[in-house]
Amino acid sequence: MDLHIAIDEASGRILAMSDPPARRLDVTFDVAEDALQISVQGDSPLKSGAEFLNAWSKLILDSVAEDLHELLDTGMAGVRFVVKRGEPA
């Protein structure tokens, strides 16, 4: 469930904060033994002067993921984070 929440929040921010609106989202998963590193990036630049991750989005992502980084160096809105695997039941 944490993975779903994190990807949903990241995707929603990309769609809301890109101009023109993103038409494609690239989601990549790097699998490790105990975690997933996920990157979500749109195909449109961030709106001029826009704050990509606002305080609410950061709070949501920080509560379900670790090692949160905004990916803005390409001029496109994006984010990278880690979701740890839980102990098997």
PDB file of N, CA and C in Angstrom:
ATOM      1  N   MET A   1       0.820  -1.192   0.000  1.00  0.00           N
ATOM      2  CA  MET A   1       0.000   0.000   0.000  1.00  0.00           C
ATOM      3  C   MET A   1       0.868   1.261   0.000  1.00  0.00           C
ATOM      4  N   ASP A   2       1.987   1.257   0.722  1.00  0.00           N
ATOM      5  CA  ASP A   2       2.852   2.439   0.749  1.00  0.00           C
ATOM      6  C   ASP A   2       3.364   2.785  -0.651  1.00  0.00           C
ATOM      7  N   LEU A   3       3.700   1.773  -1.424  1.00  0.00           N
ATOM      8  CA  LEU A   3       4.191   1.999  -2.774  1.00  0.00           C
ATOM      9  C   LEU A   3       3.111   2.676  -3.627  1.00  0.00           C
ATOM     10  N   HIS A   4       1.897   2.223  -3.514  1.00  0.00           N
ATOM     11  CA  HIS A   4       0.777   2.805  -4.261  1.00  0.00           C
ATOM     12  C   HIS A   4       0.592   4.272  -3.893  1.00  0.00           C
ATOM     13  N   ILE A   5       0.606   4.578  -2.620  1.00  0.00           N
ATOM     14  CA  ILE A   5       0.429   5.958  -2.159  1.00  0.00           C
ATOM     15  C   ILE A   5       1.551   6.853  -2.682  1.00  0.00           C
ATOM     16  N   ALA A   6       2.782   6.371  -2.605  1.00  0.00           N
ATOM     17  CA  ALA A   6       3.934   7.174  -3.028  1.00  0.00           C
ATOM     18  C   ALA A   6       3.893   7.450  -4.531  1.00  0.00           C
ATOM     19  N   ILE A   7       3.626   6.439  -5.337  1.00  0.00           N
ATOM     20  CA  ILE A   7       3.579   6.631  -6.786  1.00  0.00           C
ATOM     21  C   ILE A   7       2.404   7.536  -7.163  1.00  0.00           C
ATOM     22  N   ASP A   8       1.272   7.361  -6.510  1.00  0.00           N
ATOM     23  CA  ASP A   8       0.107   8.195  -6.775  1.00  0.00           C
ATOM     24  C   ASP A   8       0.404   9.666  -6.465  1.00  0.00           C
ATOM     25  N   GLU A   9       1.006   9.936  -5.329  1.00  0.00           N
ATOM     26  CA  GLU A   9       1.315  11.319  -4.947  1.00  0.00           C
ATOM     27  C   GLU A   9       2.327  11.938  -5.907  1.00  0.00           C
ATOM     28  N   ALA A  10       3.378  11.216  -6.226  1.00  0.00           N
ATOM     29  CA  ALA A  10       4.397  11.733  -7.142  1.00  0.00           C
ATOM     30  C   ALA A  10       3.789  12.003  -8.521  1.00  0.00           C
ATOM     31  N   SER A  11       3.004  11.076  -9.019  1.00  0.00           N
ATOM     32  CA  SER A  11       2.382  11.231 -10.337  1.00  0.00           C
ATOM     33  C   SER A  11       1.417  12.417 -10.361  1.00  0.00           C
ATOM     34  N   GLY A  12       0.622  12.553  -9.319  1.00  0.00           N
ATOM     35  CA  GLY A  12      -0.316  13.667  -9.233  1.00  0.00           C
ATOM     36  C   GLY A  12       0.375  15.013  -9.243  1.00  0.00           C
ATOM     37  N   ARG A  13       1.492  15.119  -8.533  1.00  0.00           N
ATOM     38  CA  ARG A  13       2.241  16.386  -8.504  1.00  0.00           C
ATOM     39  C   ARG A  13       2.846  16.688  -9.869  1.00  0.00           C
ATOM     40  N   ILE A  14       3.363  15.669 -10.535  1.00  0.00           N
ATOM     41  CA  ILE A  14       3.937  15.889 -11.862  1.00  0.00           C
ATOM     42  C   ILE A  14       2.856  16.384 -12.813  1.00  0.00           C
ATOM     43  N   LEU A  15       1.713  15.745 -12.810  1.00  0.00           N
ATOM     44  CA  LEU A  15       0.634  16.144 -13.706  1.00  0.00           C
ATOM     45  C   LEU A  15       0.119  17.545 -13.381  1.00  0.00           C
ATOM     46  N   ALA A  16       0.072  17.901 -12.105  1.00  0.00           N
ATOM     47  CA  ALA A  16      -0.448  19.211 -11.700  1.00  0.00           C
ATOM     48  C   ALA A  16       0.549  20.341 -11.904  1.00  0.00           C
ATOM     49  N   MET A  17       1.845  20.049 -11.820  1.00  0.00           N
ATOM     50  CA  MET A  17       2.840  21.118 -11.799  1.00  0.00           C
ATOM     51  C   MET A  17       3.645  21.268 -13.080  1.00  0.00           C
ATOM     52  N   SER A  18       3.358  20.496 -14.112  1.00  0.00           N
ATOM     53  CA  SER A  18       4.098  20.635 -15.360  1.00  0.00           C
ATOM     54  C   SER A  18       3.308  21.499 -16.344  1.00  0.00           C
ATOM     55  N   ASP A  19       4.049  22.193 -17.199  1.00  0.00           N
ATOM     56  CA  ASP A  19       3.424  23.073 -18.180  1.00  0.00           C
ATOM     57  C   ASP A  19       4.228  23.042 -19.473  1.00  0.00           C
ATOM     58  N   PRO A  20       3.682  22.528 -20.547  1.00  0.00           N
ATOM     59  CA  PRO A  20       2.319  22.027 -20.669  1.00  0.00           C
ATOM     60  C   PRO A  20       2.139  20.749 -19.849  1.00  0.00           C
ATOM     61  N   PRO A  21       0.894  20.362 -19.572  1.00  0.00           N
ATOM     62  CA  PRO A  21       0.669  19.165 -18.761  1.00  0.00           C
ATOM     63  C   PRO A  21       1.394  17.949 -19.347  1.00  0.00           C
ATOM     64  N   ALA A  22       2.001  17.188 -18.465  1.00  0.00           N
ATOM     65  CA  ALA A  22       2.725  15.985 -18.906  1.00  0.00           C
ATOM     66  C   ALA A  22       1.772  15.048 -19.642  1.00  0.00           C
ATOM     67  N   ARG A  23       2.259  14.475 -20.719  1.00  0.00           N
ATOM     68  CA  ARG A  23       1.470  13.505 -21.485  1.00  0.00           C
ATOM     69  C   ARG A  23       1.943  12.087 -21.218  1.00  0.00           C
ATOM     70  N   ARG A  24       3.125  11.973 -20.619  1.00  0.00           N
ATOM     71  CA  ARG A  24       3.679  10.654 -20.322  1.00  0.00           C
ATOM     72  C   ARG A  24       4.418  10.708 -18.992  1.00  0.00           C
ATOM     73  N   LEU A  25       4.274   9.648 -18.216  1.00  0.00           N
ATOM     74  CA  LEU A  25       5.035   9.485 -16.983  1.00  0.00           C
ATOM     75  C   LEU A  25       5.937   8.269 -17.143  1.00  0.00           C
ATOM     76  N   ASP A  26       7.206   8.434 -16.816  1.00  0.00           N
ATOM     77  CA  ASP A  26       8.142   7.311 -16.810  1.00  0.00           C
ATOM     78  C   ASP A  26       8.354   6.890 -15.371  1.00  0.00           C
ATOM     79  N   VAL A  27       8.059   5.643 -15.079  1.00  0.00           N
ATOM     80  CA  VAL A  27       8.239   5.091 -13.740  1.00  0.00           C
ATOM     81  C   VAL A  27       9.256   3.961 -13.852  1.00  0.00           C
ATOM     82  N   THR A  28      10.352   4.074 -13.100  1.00  0.00           N
ATOM     83  CA  THR A  28      11.368   3.027 -13.108  1.00  0.00           C
ATOM     84  C   THR A  28      11.510   2.446 -11.711  1.00  0.00           C
ATOM     85  N   PHE A  29      11.758   1.159 -11.674  1.00  0.00           N
ATOM     86  CA  PHE A  29      11.927   0.431 -10.417  1.00  0.00           C
ATOM     87  C   PHE A  29      13.299  -0.219 -10.420  1.00  0.00           C
ATOM     88  N   ASP A  30      14.101   0.075  -9.416  1.00  0.00           N
ATOM     89  CA  ASP A  30      15.376  -0.606  -9.203  1.00  0.00           C
ATOM     90  C   ASP A  30      15.192  -1.498  -7.990  1.00  0.00           C
ATOM     91  N   VAL A  31      15.259  -2.797  -8.220  1.00  0.00           N
ATOM     92  CA  VAL A  31      14.966  -3.776  -7.180  1.00  0.00           C
ATOM     93  C   VAL A  31      16.236  -4.153  -6.431  1.00  0.00           C
ATOM     94  N   ALA A  32      16.185  -4.076  -5.113  1.00  0.00           N
ATOM     95  CA  ALA A  32      17.245  -4.551  -4.230  1.00  0.00           C
ATOM     96  C   ALA A  32      16.638  -5.622  -3.321  1.00  0.00           C
ATOM     97  N   GLU A  33      17.473  -6.269  -2.568  1.00  0.00           N
ATOM     98  CA  GLU A  33      16.991  -7.353  -1.711  1.00  0.00           C
ATOM     99  C   GLU A  33      15.968  -6.893  -0.694  1.00  0.00           C
ATOM    100  N   ASP A  34      16.159  -5.710  -0.120  1.00  0.00           N
ATOM    101  CA  ASP A  34      15.286  -5.258   0.959  1.00  0.00           C
ATOM    102  C   ASP A  34      14.512  -3.980   0.653  1.00  0.00           C
ATOM    103  N   ALA A  35      14.595  -3.500  -0.611  1.00  0.00           N
ATOM    104  CA  ALA A  35      13.935  -2.233  -0.922  1.00  0.00           C
ATOM    105  C   ALA A  35      13.746  -2.072  -2.428  1.00  0.00           C
ATOM    106  N   LEU A  36      12.900  -1.125  -2.774  1.00  0.00           N
ATOM    107  CA  LEU A  36      12.725  -0.694  -4.156  1.00  0.00           C
ATOM    108  C   LEU A  36      13.089   0.778  -4.241  1.00  0.00           C
ATOM    109  N   GLN A  37      13.882   1.143  -5.232  1.00  0.00           N
ATOM    110  CA  GLN A  37      14.101   2.557  -5.510  1.00  0.00           C
ATOM    111  C   GLN A  37      13.236   2.881  -6.723  1.00  0.00           C
ATOM    112  N   ILE A  38      12.398   3.876  -6.589  1.00  0.00           N
ATOM    113  CA  ILE A  38      11.448   4.232  -7.631  1.00  0.00           C
ATOM    114  C   ILE A  38      11.721   5.658  -8.091  1.00  0.00           C
ATOM    115  N   SER A  39      11.703   5.845  -9.412  1.00  0.00           N
ATOM    116  CA  SER A  39      11.783   7.180  -9.995  1.00  0.00           C
ATOM    117  C   SER A  39      10.532   7.397 -10.822  1.00  0.00           C
ATOM    118  N   VAL A  40       9.934   8.579 -10.665  1.00  0.00           N
ATOM    119  CA  VAL A  40       8.761   8.954 -11.450  1.00  0.00           C
ATOM    120  C   VAL A  40       9.078  10.298 -12.084  1.00  0.00           C
ATOM    121  N   GLN A  41       9.007  10.367 -13.417  1.00  0.00           N
ATOM    122  CA  GLN A  41       9.337  11.614 -14.101  1.00  0.00           C
ATOM    123  C   GLN A  41       8.382  11.839 -15.260  1.00  0.00           C
ATOM    124  N   GLY A  42       7.995  13.103 -15.434  1.00  0.00           N
ATOM    125  CA  GLY A  42       7.113  13.484 -16.524  1.00  0.00           C
ATOM    126  C   GLY A  42       7.897  13.902 -17.746  1.00  0.00           C
ATOM    127  N   ASP A  43       7.186  14.143 -18.829  1.00  0.00           N
ATOM    128  CA  ASP A  43       7.826  14.540 -20.084  1.00  0.00           C
ATOM    129  C   ASP A  43       7.644  16.025 -20.395  1.00  0.00           C
ATOM    130  N   SER A  44       7.240  16.821 -19.401  1.00  0.00           N
ATOM    131  CA  SER A  44       7.070  18.264 -19.578  1.00  0.00           C
ATOM    132  C   SER A  44       7.794  19.007 -18.468  1.00  0.00           C
ATOM    133  N   PRO A  45       8.228  20.231 -18.754  1.00  0.00           N
ATOM    134  CA  PRO A  45       8.931  21.008 -17.729  1.00  0.00           C
ATOM    135  C   PRO A  45       8.003  21.483 -16.614  1.00  0.00           C
ATOM    136  N   LEU A  46       8.600  21.776 -15.506  1.00  0.00           N
ATOM    137  CA  LEU A  46       7.896  22.332 -14.358  1.00  0.00           C
ATOM    138  C   LEU A  46       7.392  23.733 -14.710  1.00  0.00           C
ATOM    139  N   LYS A  47       6.210  24.083 -14.221  1.00  0.00           N
ATOM    140  CA  LYS A  47       5.671  25.426 -14.424  1.00  0.00           C
ATOM    141  C   LYS A  47       6.673  26.453 -13.909  1.00  0.00           C
ATOM    142  N   SER A  48       6.771  27.568 -14.596  1.00  0.00           N
ATOM    143  CA  SER A  48       7.685  28.627 -14.198  1.00  0.00           C
ATOM    144  C   SER A  48       7.355  29.119 -12.787  1.00  0.00           C
ATOM    145  N   GLY A  49       8.344  29.108 -11.907  1.00  0.00           N
ATOM    146  CA  GLY A  49       8.174  29.587 -10.543  1.00  0.00           C
ATOM    147  C   GLY A  49       7.401  28.660  -9.632  1.00  0.00           C
ATOM    148  N   ALA A  50       7.048  27.468 -10.107  1.00  0.00           N
ATOM    149  CA  ALA A  50       6.236  26.542  -9.316  1.00  0.00           C
ATOM    150  C   ALA A  50       7.090  25.768  -8.314  1.00  0.00           C
ATOM    151  N   GLU A  51       6.475  25.441  -7.207  1.00  0.00           N
ATOM    152  CA  GLU A  51       7.101  24.576  -6.207  1.00  0.00           C
ATOM    153  C   GLU A  51       6.612  23.162  -6.497  1.00  0.00           C
ATOM    154  N   PHE A  52       7.518  22.289  -6.926  1.00  0.00           N
ATOM    155  CA  PHE A  52       7.107  20.953  -7.341  1.00  0.00           C
ATOM    156  C   PHE A  52       6.491  20.169  -6.192  1.00  0.00           C
ATOM    157  N   LEU A  53       7.249  19.917  -5.145  1.00  0.00           N
ATOM    158  CA  LEU A  53       6.709  19.222  -3.975  1.00  0.00           C
ATOM    159  C   LEU A  53       6.409  20.244  -2.892  1.00  0.00           C
ATOM    160  N   ASN A  54       5.131  20.456  -2.627  1.00  0.00           N
ATOM    161  CA  ASN A  54       4.770  21.373  -1.552  1.00  0.00           C
ATOM    162  C   ASN A  54       4.893  20.651  -0.214  1.00  0.00           C
ATOM    163  N   ALA A  55       4.653  21.346   0.872  1.00  0.00           N
ATOM    164  CA  ALA A  55       4.822  20.775   2.216  1.00  0.00           C
ATOM    165  C   ALA A  55       3.938  19.540   2.418  1.00  0.00           C
ATOM    166  N   TRP A  56       2.713  19.579   1.916  1.00  0.00           N
ATOM    167  CA  TRP A  56       1.788  18.452   2.081  1.00  0.00           C
ATOM    168  C   TRP A  56       2.299  17.223   1.330  1.00  0.00           C
ATOM    169  N   SER A  57       2.751  17.413   0.093  1.00  0.00           N
ATOM    170  CA  SER A  57       3.277  16.297  -0.693  1.00  0.00           C
ATOM    171  C   SER A  57       4.517  15.701  -0.051  1.00  0.00           C
ATOM    172  N   LYS A  58       5.396  16.565   0.450  1.00  0.00           N
ATOM    173  CA  LYS A  58       6.598  16.066   1.141  1.00  0.00           C
ATOM    174  C   LYS A  58       6.219  15.254   2.371  1.00  0.00           C
ATOM    175  N   LEU A  59       5.233  15.717   3.114  1.00  0.00           N
ATOM    176  CA  LEU A  59       4.781  14.987   4.298  1.00  0.00           C
ATOM    177  C   LEU A  59       4.247  13.606   3.915  1.00  0.00           C
ATOM    178  N   ILE A  60       3.436  13.550   2.873  1.00  0.00           N
ATOM    179  CA  ILE A  60       2.890  12.268   2.423  1.00  0.00           C
ATOM    180  C   ILE A  60       4.020  11.339   1.988  1.00  0.00           C
ATOM    181  N   LEU A  61       4.903  11.820   1.128  1.00  0.00           N
ATOM    182  CA  LEU A  61       5.978  10.968   0.624  1.00  0.00           C
ATOM    183  C   LEU A  61       6.953  10.560   1.716  1.00  0.00           C
ATOM    184  N   ASP A  62       7.290  11.476   2.604  1.00  0.00           N
ATOM    185  CA  ASP A  62       8.197  11.139   3.712  1.00  0.00           C
ATOM    186  C   ASP A  62       7.583  10.117   4.665  1.00  0.00           C
ATOM    187  N   SER A  63       6.254  10.072   4.756  1.00  0.00           N
ATOM    188  CA  SER A  63       5.621   9.134   5.681  1.00  0.00           C
ATOM    189  C   SER A  63       5.559   7.709   5.120  1.00  0.00           C
ATOM    190  N   VAL A  64       5.658   7.554   3.801  1.00  0.00           N
ATOM    191  CA  VAL A  64       5.564   6.208   3.212  1.00  0.00           C
ATOM    192  C   VAL A  64       6.831   5.770   2.484  1.00  0.00           C
ATOM    193  N   ALA A  65       7.789   6.678   2.319  1.00  0.00           N
ATOM    194  CA  ALA A  65       9.008   6.359   1.580  1.00  0.00           C
ATOM    195  C   ALA A  65      10.219   6.962   2.294  1.00  0.00           C
ATOM    196  N   GLU A  66      11.391   6.566   1.830  1.00  0.00           N
ATOM    197  CA  GLU A  66      12.640   7.086   2.388  1.00  0.00           C
ATOM    198  C   GLU A  66      13.487   7.676   1.266  1.00  0.00           C
ATOM    199  N   ASP A  67      14.501   8.424   1.657  1.00  0.00           N
ATOM    200  CA  ASP A  67      15.500   8.942   0.717  1.00  0.00           C
ATOM    201  C   ASP A  67      14.848   9.688  -0.450  1.00  0.00           C
ATOM    202  N   LEU A  68      13.988  10.636  -0.135  1.00  0.00           N
ATOM    203  CA  LEU A  68      13.230  11.401  -1.116  1.00  0.00           C
ATOM    204  C   LEU A  68      14.112  12.462  -1.772  1.00  0.00           C
ATOM    205  N   HIS A  69      14.102  12.486  -3.127  1.00  0.00           N
ATOM    206  CA  HIS A  69      14.854  13.486  -3.884  1.00  0.00           C
ATOM    207  C   HIS A  69      14.005  13.981  -5.047  1.00  0.00           C
ATOM    208  N   GLU A  70      13.955  15.285  -5.204  1.00  0.00           N
ATOM    209  CA  GLU A  70      13.317  15.849  -6.387  1.00  0.00           C
ATOM    210  C   GLU A  70      14.295  15.740  -7.545  1.00  0.00           C
ATOM    211  N   LEU A  71      13.805  15.407  -8.721  1.00  0.00           N
ATOM    212  CA  LEU A  71      14.619  15.287  -9.928  1.00  0.00           C
ATOM    213  C   LEU A  71      14.241  16.414 -10.871  1.00  0.00           C
ATOM    214  N   LEU A  72      14.897  17.539 -10.717  1.00  0.00           N
ATOM    215  CA  LEU A  72      14.554  18.711 -11.521  1.00  0.00           C
ATOM    216  C   LEU A  72      15.703  19.153 -12.412  1.00  0.00           C
ATOM    217  N   ASP A  73      16.829  18.441 -12.373  1.00  0.00           N
ATOM    218  CA  ASP A  73      18.018  18.868 -13.099  1.00  0.00           C
ATOM    219  C   ASP A  73      17.859  18.810 -14.617  1.00  0.00           C
ATOM    220  N   THR A  74      16.926  18.026 -15.121  1.00  0.00           N
ATOM    221  CA  THR A  74      16.694  17.954 -16.565  1.00  0.00           C
ATOM    222  C   THR A  74      15.679  18.991 -17.021  1.00  0.00           C
ATOM    223  N   GLY A  75      15.112  19.748 -16.096  1.00  0.00           N
ATOM    224  CA  GLY A  75      14.066  20.710 -16.417  1.00  0.00           C
ATOM    225  C   GLY A  75      12.685  20.083 -16.410  1.00  0.00           C
ATOM    226  N   MET A  76      12.615  18.776 -16.232  1.00  0.00           N
ATOM    227  CA  MET A  76      11.341  18.068 -16.171  1.00  0.00           C
ATOM    228  C   MET A  76      11.028  17.751 -14.713  1.00  0.00           C
ATOM    229  N   ALA A  77       9.755  17.763 -14.357  1.00  0.00           N
ATOM    230  CA  ALA A  77       9.352  17.464 -12.986  1.00  0.00           C
ATOM    231  C   ALA A  77       9.498  15.970 -12.722  1.00  0.00           C
ATOM    232  N   GLY A  78      10.105  15.616 -11.579  1.00  0.00           N
ATOM    233  CA  GLY A  78      10.258  14.213 -11.236  1.00  0.00           C
ATOM    234  C   GLY A  78      10.712  14.039  -9.801  1.00  0.00           C
ATOM    235  N   VAL A  79      10.658  12.800  -9.333  1.00  0.00           N
ATOM    236  CA  VAL A  79      11.024  12.490  -7.958  1.00  0.00           C
ATOM    237  C   VAL A  79      11.590  11.068  -7.894  1.00  0.00           C
ATOM    238  N   ARG A  80      12.476  10.835  -6.939  1.00  0.00           N
ATOM    239  CA  ARG A  80      13.040   9.507  -6.675  1.00  0.00           C
ATOM    240  C   ARG A  80      12.915   9.235  -5.187  1.00  0.00           C
ATOM    241  N   PHE A  81      12.561   8.000  -4.829  1.00  0.00           N
ATOM    242  CA  PHE A  81      12.428   7.638  -3.422  1.00  0.00           C
ATOM    243  C   PHE A  81      12.620   6.136  -3.265  1.00  0.00           C
ATOM    244  N   VAL A  82      12.730   5.698  -2.016  1.00  0.00           N
ATOM    245  CA  VAL A  82      12.937   4.282  -1.675  1.00  0.00           C
ATOM    246  C   VAL A  82      11.789   3.810  -0.803  1.00  0.00           C
ATOM    247  N   VAL A  83      11.289   2.623  -1.107  1.00  0.00           N
ATOM    248  CA  VAL A  83      10.296   1.967  -0.267  1.00  0.00           C
ATOM    249  C   VAL A  83      10.914   0.666   0.210  1.00  0.00           C
ATOM    250  N   LYS A  84      11.033   0.513   1.534  1.00  0.00           N
ATOM    251  CA  LYS A  84      11.613  -0.695   2.117  1.00  0.00           C
ATOM    252  C   LYS A  84      10.598  -1.821   2.131  1.00  0.00           C
ATOM    253  N   ARG A  85      11.077  -3.035   1.970  1.00  0.00           N
ATOM    254  CA  ARG A  85      10.210  -4.207   2.079  1.00  0.00           C
ATOM    255  C   ARG A  85       9.976  -4.529   3.550  1.00  0.00           C
ATOM    256  N   GLY A  86       8.754  -4.927   3.849  1.00  0.00           N
ATOM    257  CA  GLY A  86       8.424  -5.337   5.212  1.00  0.00           C
ATOM    258  C   GLY A  86       8.826  -6.781   5.451  1.00  0.00           C
ATOM    259  N   GLU A  87       8.767  -7.180   6.689  1.00  0.00           N
ATOM    260  CA  GLU A  87       9.038  -8.568   7.038  1.00  0.00           C
ATOM    261  C   GLU A  87       7.916  -9.451   6.536  1.00  0.00           C
ATOM    262  N   PRO A  88       8.244 -10.625   5.995  1.00  0.00           N
ATOM    263  CA  PRO A  88       7.166 -11.525   5.551  1.00  0.00           C
ATOM    264  C   PRO A  88       6.285 -11.948   6.709  1.00  0.00           C
ATOM    265  N   ALA A  89       5.001 -12.118   6.423  1.00  0.00           N
ATOM    266  CA  ALA A  89       4.040 -12.507   7.471  1.00  0.00           C
ATOM    267  C   ALA A  89       4.072 -13.990   7.715  1.00  0.00           C
TER     268      ALA A  89
END
